[in-house]
PDB file of N, CA and C in Angstrom:
ATOM      1  N   MET A   1      60.345 111.198 130.454  1.00  0.00           N
ATOM      2  CA  MET A   1      60.758 110.887 129.103  1.00  0.00           C
ATOM      3  C   MET A   1      59.493 110.758 128.243  1.00  0.00           C
ATOM      4  N   PRO A   2      59.482 111.332 127.066  1.00  0.00           N
ATOM      5  CA  PRO A   2      58.285 111.257 126.219  1.00  0.00           C
ATOM      6  C   PRO A   2      58.069 109.853 125.658  1.00  0.00           C
ATOM      7  N   ASN A   3      56.838 109.566 125.334  1.00  0.00           N
ATOM      8  CA  ASN A   3      56.495 108.307 124.672  1.00  0.00           C
ATOM      9  C   ASN A   3      56.338 108.558 123.187  1.00  0.00           C
ATOM     10  N   TYR A   4      56.779 107.610 122.375  1.00  0.00           N
ATOM     11  CA  TYR A   4      56.606 107.682 120.932  1.00  0.00           C
ATOM     12  C   TYR A   4      55.844 106.446 120.489  1.00  0.00           C
ATOM     13  N   ASP A   5      54.737 106.615 119.805  1.00  0.00           N
ATOM     14  CA  ASP A   5      53.977 105.484 119.291  1.00  0.00           C
ATOM     15  C   ASP A   5      54.216 105.410 117.791  1.00  0.00           C
ATOM     16  N   LEU A   6      54.968 104.400 117.373  1.00  0.00           N
ATOM     17  CA  LEU A   6      55.328 104.247 115.968  1.00  0.00           C
ATOM     18  C   LEU A   6      54.552 103.103 115.326  1.00  0.00           C
ATOM     19  N   GLY A   7      53.288 102.972 115.689  1.00  0.00           N
ATOM     20  CA  GLY A   7      52.477 101.894 115.126  1.00  0.00           C
ATOM     21  C   GLY A   7      52.673 100.614 115.896  1.00  0.00           C
ATOM     22  N   THR A   8      53.525  99.725 115.396  1.00  0.00           N
ATOM     23  CA  THR A   8      53.754  98.447 116.067  1.00  0.00           C
ATOM     24  C   THR A   8      54.798  98.552 117.166  1.00  0.00           C
ATOM     25  N   LEU A   9      55.460  99.694 117.280  1.00  0.00           N
ATOM     26  CA  LEU A   9      56.506  99.887 118.278  1.00  0.00           C
ATOM     27  C   LEU A   9      56.199 101.131 119.089  1.00  0.00           C
ATOM     28  N   THR A  10      56.083 100.982 120.400  1.00  0.00           N
ATOM     29  CA  THR A  10      55.899 102.133 121.273  1.00  0.00           C
ATOM     30  C   THR A  10      57.173 102.316 122.074  1.00  0.00           C
ATOM     31  N   ILE A  11      57.785 103.491 121.965  1.00  0.00           N
ATOM     32  CA  ILE A  11      59.025 103.789 122.671  1.00  0.00           C
ATOM     33  C   ILE A  11      58.659 104.576 123.917  1.00  0.00           C
ATOM     34  N   ILE A  12      58.894 103.980 125.091  1.00  0.00           N
ATOM     35  CA  ILE A  12      58.542 104.626 126.350  1.00  0.00           C
ATOM     36  C   ILE A  12      59.762 105.313 126.944  1.00  0.00           C
ATOM     37  N   ASP A  13      60.907 104.826 126.703  1.00  0.00           N
ATOM     38  CA  ASP A  13      62.142 105.379 127.236  1.00  0.00           C
ATOM     39  C   ASP A  13      63.213 105.188 126.171  1.00  0.00           C
ATOM     40  N   HIS A  14      64.248 105.987 126.225  1.00  0.00           N
ATOM     41  CA  HIS A  14      65.320 105.857 125.241  1.00  0.00           C
ATOM     42  C   HIS A  14      66.299 104.773 125.680  1.00  0.00           C
ATOM     43  N   ASP A  15      65.849 103.541 125.650  1.00  0.00           N
ATOM     44  CA  ASP A  15      66.664 102.385 125.972  1.00  0.00           C
ATOM     45  C   ASP A  15      67.367 101.959 124.688  1.00  0.00           C
ATOM     46  N   VAL A  16      68.636 102.283 124.590  1.00  0.00           N
ATOM     47  CA  VAL A  16      69.398 102.064 123.366  1.00  0.00           C
ATOM     48  C   VAL A  16      69.307 100.618 122.894  1.00  0.00           C
ATOM     49  N   GLU A  17      69.485  99.683 123.791  1.00  0.00           N
ATOM     50  CA  GLU A  17      69.500  98.273 123.385  1.00  0.00           C
ATOM     51  C   GLU A  17      68.153  97.837 122.813  1.00  0.00           C
ATOM     52  N   LYS A  18      67.066  98.215 123.474  1.00  0.00           N
ATOM     53  CA  LYS A  18      65.741  97.827 122.983  1.00  0.00           C
ATOM     54  C   LYS A  18      65.430  98.491 121.648  1.00  0.00           C
ATOM     55  N   LEU A  19      65.778  99.766 121.520  1.00  0.00           N
ATOM     56  CA  LEU A  19      65.516 100.476 120.265  1.00  0.00           C
ATOM     57  C   LEU A  19      66.277  99.865 119.106  1.00  0.00           C
ATOM     58  N   THR A  20      67.563  99.683 119.305  1.00  0.00           N
ATOM     59  CA  THR A  20      68.384  99.178 118.211  1.00  0.00           C
ATOM     60  C   THR A  20      68.034  97.739 117.865  1.00  0.00           C
ATOM     61  N   ASP A  21      67.703  96.918 118.868  1.00  0.00           N
ATOM     62  CA  ASP A  21      67.286  95.533 118.597  1.00  0.00           C
ATOM     63  C   ASP A  21      65.970  95.507 117.823  1.00  0.00           C
ATOM     64  N   ALA A  22      65.004  96.298 118.259  1.00  0.00           N
ATOM     65  CA  ALA A  22      63.685  96.301 117.620  1.00  0.00           C
ATOM     66  C   ALA A  22      63.761  96.746 116.165  1.00  0.00           C
ATOM     67  N   LEU A  23      64.650  97.691 115.884  1.00  0.00           N
ATOM     68  CA  LEU A  23      64.751  98.232 114.530  1.00  0.00           C
ATOM     69  C   LEU A  23      65.868  97.597 113.709  1.00  0.00           C
ATOM     70  N   GLY A  24      66.622  96.676 114.317  1.00  0.00           N
ATOM     71  CA  GLY A  24      67.692  96.004 113.593  1.00  0.00           C
ATOM     72  C   GLY A  24      68.871  96.909 113.286  1.00  0.00           C
ATOM     73  N   ILE A  25      69.158  97.836 114.194  1.00  0.00           N
ATOM     74  CA  ILE A  25      70.258  98.784 114.010  1.00  0.00           C
ATOM     75  C   ILE A  25      71.385  98.399 114.969  1.00  0.00           C
ATOM     76  N   PRO A  26      72.621  98.269 114.491  1.00  0.00           N
ATOM     77  CA  PRO A  26      73.735  97.962 115.385  1.00  0.00           C
ATOM     78  C   PRO A  26      73.897  99.051 116.456  1.00  0.00           C
ATOM     79  N   ASP A  27      74.234  98.629 117.682  1.00  0.00           N
ATOM     80  CA  ASP A  27      74.376  99.566 118.801  1.00  0.00           C
ATOM     81  C   ASP A  27      75.334 100.715 118.494  1.00  0.00           C
ATOM     82  N   HIS A  28      76.418 100.417 117.787  1.00  0.00           N
ATOM     83  CA  HIS A  28      77.420 101.448 117.524  1.00  0.00           C
ATOM     84  C   HIS A  28      76.896 102.563 116.612  1.00  0.00           C
ATOM     85  N   ARG A  29      75.780 102.338 115.940  1.00  0.00           N
ATOM     86  CA  ARG A  29      75.204 103.360 115.042  1.00  0.00           C
ATOM     87  C   ARG A  29      74.293 104.338 115.781  1.00  0.00           C
ATOM     88  N   PHE A  30      73.893 104.015 117.015  1.00  0.00           N
ATOM     89  CA  PHE A  30      72.917 104.825 117.743  1.00  0.00           C
ATOM     90  C   PHE A  30      73.381 106.272 117.912  1.00  0.00           C
ATOM     91  N   GLU A  31      74.567 106.477 118.451  1.00  0.00           N
ATOM     92  CA  GLU A  31      75.080 107.842 118.655  1.00  0.00           C
ATOM     93  C   GLU A  31      75.201 108.582 117.334  1.00  0.00           C
ATOM     94  N   ASN A  32      75.562 107.855 116.283  1.00  0.00           N
ATOM     95  CA  ASN A  32      75.665 108.463 114.964  1.00  0.00           C
ATOM     96  C   ASN A  32      74.309 108.979 114.493  1.00  0.00           C
ATOM     97  N   LEU A  33      73.241 108.278 114.830  1.00  0.00           N
ATOM     98  CA  LEU A  33      71.899 108.719 114.444  1.00  0.00           C
ATOM     99  C   LEU A  33      71.519 110.009 115.161  1.00  0.00           C
ATOM    100  N   VAL A  34      71.863 110.092 116.440  1.00  0.00           N
ATOM    101  CA  VAL A  34      71.592 111.314 117.205  1.00  0.00           C
ATOM    102  C   VAL A  34      72.397 112.472 116.613  1.00  0.00           C
ATOM    103  N   GLU A  35      73.651 112.223 116.291  1.00  0.00           N
ATOM    104  CA  GLU A  35      74.497 113.261 115.687  1.00  0.00           C
ATOM    105  C   GLU A  35      73.948 113.702 114.329  1.00  0.00           C
ATOM    106  N   ASN A  36      73.501 112.756 113.519  1.00  0.00           N
ATOM    107  CA  ASN A  36      72.927 113.106 112.216  1.00  0.00           C
ATOM    108  C   ASN A  36      71.649 113.920 112.364  1.00  0.00           C
ATOM    109  N   ALA A  37      70.839 113.595 113.355  1.00  0.00           N
ATOM    110  CA  ALA A  37      69.619 114.372 113.597  1.00  0.00           C
ATOM    111  C   ALA A  37      69.977 115.810 113.965  1.00  0.00           C
ATOM    112  N   GLN A  38      71.011 115.977 114.783  1.00  0.00           N
ATOM    113  CA  GLN A  38      71.448 117.329 115.157  1.00  0.00           C
ATOM    114  C   GLN A  38      72.037 118.059 113.954  1.00  0.00           C
ATOM    115  N   LYS A  39      72.815 117.356 113.135  1.00  0.00           N
ATOM    116  CA  LYS A  39      73.366 117.968 111.922  1.00  0.00           C
ATOM    117  C   LYS A  39      72.252 118.432 110.996  1.00  0.00           C
ATOM    118  N   ALA A  40      71.223 117.606 110.851  1.00  0.00           N
ATOM    119  CA  ALA A  40      70.088 117.979 109.992  1.00  0.00           C
ATOM    120  C   ALA A  40      69.404 119.226 110.529  1.00  0.00           C
ATOM    121  N   TYR A  41      69.261 119.308 111.835  1.00  0.00           N
ATOM    122  CA  TYR A  41      68.625 120.482 112.446  1.00  0.00           C
ATOM    123  C   TYR A  41      69.476 121.733 112.206  1.00  0.00           C
ATOM    124  N   ASP A  42      70.784 121.599 112.367  1.00  0.00           N
ATOM    125  CA  ASP A  42      71.703 122.735 112.214  1.00  0.00           C
ATOM    126  C   ASP A  42      71.957 123.090 110.754  1.00  0.00           C
ATOM    127  N   TYR A  43      71.852 122.107 109.869  1.00  0.00           N
ATOM    128  CA  TYR A  43      72.298 122.239 108.488  1.00  0.00           C
ATOM    129  C   TYR A  43      71.402 123.114 107.624  1.00  0.00           C
ATOM    130  N   GLU A  44      70.109 122.993 107.775  1.00  0.00           N
ATOM    131  CA  GLU A  44      69.186 123.662 106.862  1.00  0.00           C
ATOM    132  C   GLU A  44      68.303 124.681 107.574  1.00  0.00           C
ATOM    133  N   ASP A  45      67.676 125.561 106.784  1.00  0.00           N
ATOM    134  CA  ASP A  45      66.843 126.626 107.328  1.00  0.00           C
ATOM    135  C   ASP A  45      65.394 126.216 107.545  1.00  0.00           C
ATOM    136  N   THR A  46      64.909 125.231 106.830  1.00  0.00           N
ATOM    137  CA  THR A  46      63.512 124.816 106.969  1.00  0.00           C
ATOM    138  C   THR A  46      63.442 123.349 107.375  1.00  0.00           C
ATOM    139  N   ILE A  47      62.317 122.971 107.944  1.00  0.00           N
ATOM    140  CA  ILE A  47      62.126 121.583 108.361  1.00  0.00           C
ATOM    141  C   ILE A  47      62.199 120.649 107.161  1.00  0.00           C
ATOM    142  N   SER A  48      61.573 121.036 106.056  1.00  0.00           N
ATOM    143  CA  SER A  48      61.578 120.152 104.884  1.00  0.00           C
ATOM    144  C   SER A  48      62.991 119.952 104.349  1.00  0.00           C
ATOM    145  N   GLU A  49      63.824 120.987 104.383  1.00  0.00           N
ATOM    146  CA  GLU A  49      65.219 120.834 103.938  1.00  0.00           C
ATOM    147  C   GLU A  49      65.983 119.905 104.877  1.00  0.00           C
ATOM    148  N   SER A  50      65.713 120.022 106.172  1.00  0.00           N
ATOM    149  CA  SER A  50      66.370 119.144 107.143  1.00  0.00           C
ATOM    150  C   SER A  50      65.953 117.692 106.940  1.00  0.00           C
ATOM    151  N   ILE A  51      64.667 117.466 106.672  1.00  0.00           N
ATOM    152  CA  ILE A  51      64.181 116.110 106.428  1.00  0.00           C
ATOM    153  C   ILE A  51      64.807 115.546 105.157  1.00  0.00           C
ATOM    154  N   GLU A  52      64.939 116.371 104.123  1.00  0.00           N
ATOM    155  CA  GLU A  52      65.607 115.932 102.895  1.00  0.00           C
ATOM    156  C   GLU A  52      67.055 115.556 103.181  1.00  0.00           C
ATOM    157  N   TRP A  53      67.726 116.336 104.025  1.00  0.00           N
ATOM    158  CA  TRP A  53      69.116 116.045 104.390  1.00  0.00           C
ATOM    159  C   TRP A  53      69.194 114.677 105.064  1.00  0.00           C
ATOM    160  N   LEU A  54      68.274 114.422 105.990  1.00  0.00           N
ATOM    161  CA  LEU A  54      68.253 113.116 106.652  1.00  0.00           C
ATOM    162  C   LEU A  54      68.008 111.996 105.645  1.00  0.00           C
ATOM    163  N   ALA A  55      67.060 112.202 104.734  1.00  0.00           N
ATOM    164  CA  ALA A  55      66.730 111.180 103.733  1.00  0.00           C
ATOM    165  C   ALA A  55      67.909 110.901 102.808  1.00  0.00           C
ATOM    166  N   ASP A  56      68.733 111.905 102.557  1.00  0.00           N
ATOM    167  CA  ASP A  56      69.915 111.717 101.716  1.00  0.00           C
ATOM    168  C   ASP A  56      71.029 110.969 102.445  1.00  0.00           C
ATOM    169  N   ASN A  57      71.027 111.031 103.786  1.00  0.00           N
ATOM    170  CA  ASN A  57      72.136 110.485 104.559  1.00  0.00           C
ATOM    171  C   ASN A  57      71.823 109.220 105.346  1.00  0.00           C
ATOM    172  N   LEU A  58      70.549 108.876 105.503  1.00  0.00           N
ATOM    173  CA  LEU A  58      70.159 107.687 106.251  1.00  0.00           C
ATOM    174  C   LEU A  58      69.216 106.837 105.411  1.00  0.00           C
ATOM    175  N   ARG A  59      69.123 105.563 105.745  1.00  0.00           N
ATOM    176  CA  ARG A  59      68.253 104.646 105.012  1.00  0.00           C
ATOM    177  C   ARG A  59      67.489 103.743 105.978  1.00  0.00           C
ATOM    178  N   GLY A  60      66.340 103.281 105.561  1.00  0.00           N
ATOM    179  CA  GLY A  60      65.575 102.271 106.282  1.00  0.00           C
ATOM    180  C   GLY A  60      65.256 102.637 107.719  1.00  0.00           C
ATOM    181  N   SER A  61      65.490 101.678 108.614  1.00  0.00           N
ATOM    182  CA  SER A  61      65.194 101.867 110.035  1.00  0.00           C
ATOM    183  C   SER A  61      65.994 103.010 110.636  1.00  0.00           C
ATOM    184  N   GLU A  62      67.208 103.212 110.137  1.00  0.00           N
ATOM    185  CA  GLU A  62      68.017 104.315 110.646  1.00  0.00           C
ATOM    186  C   GLU A  62      67.370 105.656 110.312  1.00  0.00           C
ATOM    187  N   LEU A  63      66.768 105.759 109.151  1.00  0.00           N
ATOM    188  CA  LEU A  63      66.066 106.985 108.777  1.00  0.00           C
ATOM    189  C   LEU A  63      64.877 107.221 109.703  1.00  0.00           C
ATOM    190  N   VAL A  64      64.128 106.167 109.992  1.00  0.00           N
ATOM    191  CA  VAL A  64      62.969 106.297 110.886  1.00  0.00           C
ATOM    192  C   VAL A  64      63.401 106.811 112.252  1.00  0.00           C
ATOM    193  N   LEU A  65      64.413 106.192 112.832  1.00  0.00           N
ATOM    194  CA  LEU A  65      64.881 106.609 114.149  1.00  0.00           C
ATOM    195  C   LEU A  65      65.520 107.995 114.090  1.00  0.00           C
ATOM    196  N   GLY A  66      66.235 108.296 113.013  1.00  0.00           N
ATOM    197  CA  GLY A  66      66.804 109.637 112.837  1.00  0.00           C
ATOM    198  C   GLY A  66      65.726 110.706 112.802  1.00  0.00           C
ATOM    199  N   LEU A  67      64.605 110.406 112.159  1.00  0.00           N
ATOM    200  CA  LEU A  67      63.481 111.352 112.116  1.00  0.00           C
ATOM    201  C   LEU A  67      62.860 111.539 113.498  1.00  0.00           C
ATOM    202  N   VAL A  68      62.790 110.462 114.281  1.00  0.00           N
ATOM    203  CA  VAL A  68      62.285 110.576 115.657  1.00  0.00           C
ATOM    204  C   VAL A  68      63.182 111.505 116.459  1.00  0.00           C
ATOM    205  N   PHE A  69      64.495 111.302 116.358  1.00  0.00           N
ATOM    206  CA  PHE A  69      65.419 112.154 117.097  1.00  0.00           C
ATOM    207  C   PHE A  69      65.393 113.590 116.588  1.00  0.00           C
ATOM    208  N   PHE A  70      65.266 113.761 115.279  1.00  0.00           N
ATOM    209  CA  PHE A  70      65.147 115.102 114.714  1.00  0.00           C
ATOM    210  C   PHE A  70      63.923 115.809 115.303  1.00  0.00           C
ATOM    211  N   GLY A  71      62.805 115.100 115.376  1.00  0.00           N
ATOM    212  CA  GLY A  71      61.585 115.675 115.951  1.00  0.00           C
ATOM    213  C   GLY A  71      61.774 116.068 117.398  1.00  0.00           C
ATOM    214  N   ARG A  72      62.487 115.253 118.145  1.00  0.00           N
ATOM    215  CA  ARG A  72      62.757 115.555 119.559  1.00  0.00           C
ATOM    216  C   ARG A  72      63.645 116.791 119.686  1.00  0.00           C
ATOM    217  N   ILE A  73      64.672 116.895 118.863  1.00  0.00           N
ATOM    218  CA  ILE A  73      65.555 118.067 118.891  1.00  0.00           C
ATOM    219  C   ILE A  73      64.771 119.314 118.522  1.00  0.00           C
ATOM    220  N   TRP A  74      63.960 119.217 117.482  1.00  0.00           N
ATOM    221  CA  TRP A  74      63.143 120.352 117.040  1.00  0.00           C
ATOM    222  C   TRP A  74      62.192 120.787 118.153  1.00  0.00           C
ATOM    223  N   GLU A  75      61.579 119.811 118.835  1.00  0.00           N
ATOM    224  CA  GLU A  75      60.662 120.096 119.937  1.00  0.00           C
ATOM    225  C   GLU A  75      61.388 120.814 121.075  1.00  0.00           C
ATOM    226  N   GLN A  76      62.568 120.330 121.446  1.00  0.00           N
ATOM    227  CA  GLN A  76      63.337 120.951 122.523  1.00  0.00           C
ATOM    228  C   GLN A  76      63.758 122.366 122.163  1.00  0.00           C
ATOM    229  N   GLN A  77      64.198 122.576 120.923  1.00  0.00           N
ATOM    230  CA  GLN A  77      64.633 123.903 120.498  1.00  0.00           C
ATOM    231  C   GLN A  77      63.457 124.877 120.438  1.00  0.00           C
ATOM    232  N   SER A  78      62.275 124.383 120.096  1.00  0.00           N
ATOM    233  CA  SER A  78      61.085 125.233 120.023  1.00  0.00           C
ATOM    234  C   SER A  78      60.659 125.707 121.403  1.00  0.00           C
ATOM    235  N   GLU A  79      60.913 124.887 122.424  1.00  0.00           N
ATOM    236  CA  GLU A  79      60.544 125.236 123.794  1.00  0.00           C
ATOM    237  C   GLU A  79      61.474 126.283 124.384  1.00  0.00           C
ATOM    238  N   GLU A  80      62.686 126.398 123.864  1.00  0.00           N
ATOM    239  CA  GLU A  80      63.683 127.333 124.425  1.00  0.00           C
ATOM    240  C   GLU A  80      63.507 128.726 123.952  1.00  0.00           C
TER     241      GLU A  80
END
């Protein structure tokens, strides 16, 4: 599993409870963030358009985590 260093928070594994607690995001929103990251990837033709889509649909800590997941999806798709 990749590591993410977000300054004061280092994510070593995708532990839903630790991530959502650290960022103050309710557990039930986690899957929605992953889905939104995938929608952003599928929705637009360029990375900047996808990031704008995320910014229009997410706020605060959810936006930060959505961008992390978007980056992971983009990375996986680039490898294929």
